[in-house]
């Protein structure tokens, strides 16, 4: 976890399972704190060699997945 002003960078090892858990945690935090995460302005950078897993993550997350290029 790295924090910069109003930006946050998270590093997840198990992207397939951690992504869902992270989004649920953010949702719970939003309810308690009253803050919202703008998922349309959020980006994810995937470091995955498995195309099938990458597709599943892209289809299951509301954040923008940035290309590897």
C-alpha atoms as a PDB file:
ATOM      1  CA  UNK A   1       0.000   0.000   0.000  1.00  0.00           C
ATOM      2  CA  UNK A   2       1.358   3.423  -0.992  1.00  0.00           C
ATOM      3  CA  UNK A   3      -0.440   6.710  -0.376  1.00  0.00           C
ATOM      4  CA  UNK A   4       0.132   9.952  -2.284  1.00  0.00           C
ATOM      5  CA  UNK A   5      -2.087  12.957  -1.422  1.00  0.00           C
ATOM      6  CA  UNK A   6      -5.514  11.703  -2.495  1.00  0.00           C
ATOM      7  CA  UNK A   7      -4.155   8.770  -4.523  1.00  0.00           C
ATOM      8  CA  UNK A   8      -3.576   5.215  -3.367  1.00  0.00           C
ATOM      9  CA  UNK A   9      -1.605   2.382  -4.913  1.00  0.00           C
ATOM     10  CA  UNK A  10      -2.369  -1.173  -3.839  1.00  0.00           C
ATOM     11  CA  UNK A  11      -0.319  -4.222  -4.724  1.00  0.00           C
ATOM     12  CA  UNK A  12      -2.210  -7.514  -4.765  1.00  0.00           C
ATOM     13  CA  UNK A  13      -0.555 -10.911  -5.080  1.00  0.00           C
ATOM     14  CA  UNK A  14      -3.607 -13.090  -5.675  1.00  0.00           C
ATOM     15  CA  UNK A  15      -5.456 -10.864  -8.154  1.00  0.00           C
ATOM     16  CA  UNK A  16      -8.176 -13.359  -8.909  1.00  0.00           C
ATOM     17  CA  UNK A  17      -9.463 -13.560  -5.321  1.00  0.00           C
ATOM     18  CA  UNK A  18      -8.052 -10.361  -3.849  1.00  0.00           C
ATOM     19  CA  UNK A  19      -9.798  -8.053  -6.315  1.00  0.00           C
ATOM     20  CA  UNK A  20     -13.273  -9.105  -5.185  1.00  0.00           C
ATOM     21  CA  UNK A  21     -12.286  -8.908  -1.510  1.00  0.00           C
ATOM     22  CA  UNK A  22     -10.725  -5.481  -1.996  1.00  0.00           C
ATOM     23  CA  UNK A  23     -13.838  -4.084  -3.682  1.00  0.00           C
ATOM     24  CA  UNK A  24     -16.016  -5.440  -0.865  1.00  0.00           C
ATOM     25  CA  UNK A  25     -13.703  -3.860   1.727  1.00  0.00           C
ATOM     26  CA  UNK A  26     -13.785  -0.505  -0.081  1.00  0.00           C
ATOM     27  CA  UNK A  27     -17.586  -0.686  -0.226  1.00  0.00           C
ATOM     28  CA  UNK A  28     -17.799  -1.345   3.529  1.00  0.00           C
ATOM     29  CA  UNK A  29     -15.385   1.518   4.238  1.00  0.00           C
ATOM     30  CA  UNK A  30     -17.508   3.814   2.083  1.00  0.00           C
ATOM     31  CA  UNK A  31     -20.607   2.995   4.126  1.00  0.00           C
ATOM     32  CA  UNK A  32     -18.874   3.710   7.446  1.00  0.00           C
ATOM     33  CA  UNK A  33     -16.743   6.721   6.485  1.00  0.00           C
ATOM     34  CA  UNK A  34     -19.104   8.346   4.022  1.00  0.00           C
ATOM     35  CA  UNK A  35     -16.405   8.507   1.352  1.00  0.00           C
ATOM     36  CA  UNK A  36     -16.863   7.139  -2.135  1.00  0.00           C
ATOM     37  CA  UNK A  37     -14.306   5.631  -4.463  1.00  0.00           C
ATOM     38  CA  UNK A  38     -14.855   6.808  -8.016  1.00  0.00           C
ATOM     39  CA  UNK A  39     -14.372   3.500  -9.804  1.00  0.00           C
ATOM     40  CA  UNK A  40     -14.724   5.172 -13.213  1.00  0.00           C
ATOM     41  CA  UNK A  41     -11.575   7.215 -12.498  1.00  0.00           C
ATOM     42  CA  UNK A  42      -9.718   4.274 -10.965  1.00  0.00           C
ATOM     43  CA  UNK A  43      -7.162   2.280 -12.938  1.00  0.00           C
ATOM     44  CA  UNK A  44      -5.685  -1.166 -12.500  1.00  0.00           C
ATOM     45  CA  UNK A  45      -2.433  -2.414 -13.943  1.00  0.00           C
ATOM     46  CA  UNK A  46      -2.362  -6.177 -14.252  1.00  0.00           C
ATOM     47  CA  UNK A  47       0.833  -8.198 -14.236  1.00  0.00           C
ATOM     48  CA  UNK A  48      -0.600 -11.544 -15.281  1.00  0.00           C
ATOM     49  CA  UNK A  49       0.761 -13.967 -17.838  1.00  0.00           C
ATOM     50  CA  UNK A  50      -2.467 -15.979 -17.988  1.00  0.00           C
ATOM     51  CA  UNK A  51      -4.867 -14.425 -20.523  1.00  0.00           C
ATOM     52  CA  UNK A  52      -7.870 -16.334 -19.201  1.00  0.00           C
ATOM     53  CA  UNK A  53      -7.375 -14.969 -15.679  1.00  0.00           C
ATOM     54  CA  UNK A  54      -6.822 -11.483 -17.064  1.00  0.00           C
ATOM     55  CA  UNK A  55     -10.119 -11.635 -18.981  1.00  0.00           C
ATOM     56  CA  UNK A  56     -11.993 -12.809 -15.864  1.00  0.00           C
ATOM     57  CA  UNK A  57     -10.621  -9.913 -13.833  1.00  0.00           C
ATOM     58  CA  UNK A  58     -11.441  -7.401 -16.571  1.00  0.00           C
ATOM     59  CA  UNK A  59     -15.023  -8.669 -16.715  1.00  0.00           C
ATOM     60  CA  UNK A  60     -15.542  -8.735 -12.954  1.00  0.00           C
ATOM     61  CA  UNK A  61     -14.146  -5.383 -11.836  1.00  0.00           C
ATOM     62  CA  UNK A  62     -15.707  -1.938 -12.271  1.00  0.00           C
ATOM     63  CA  UNK A  63     -12.329  -0.171 -12.539  1.00  0.00           C
ATOM     64  CA  UNK A  64     -10.574   0.567 -15.817  1.00  0.00           C
ATOM     65  CA  UNK A  65      -7.895  -1.991 -16.683  1.00  0.00           C
ATOM     66  CA  UNK A  66      -4.957  -0.255 -18.338  1.00  0.00           C
ATOM     67  CA  UNK A  67      -3.252  -1.946 -21.260  1.00  0.00           C
ATOM     68  CA  UNK A  68       0.232  -3.381 -20.959  1.00  0.00           C
ATOM     69  CA  UNK A  69       1.498  -1.164 -23.770  1.00  0.00           C
END
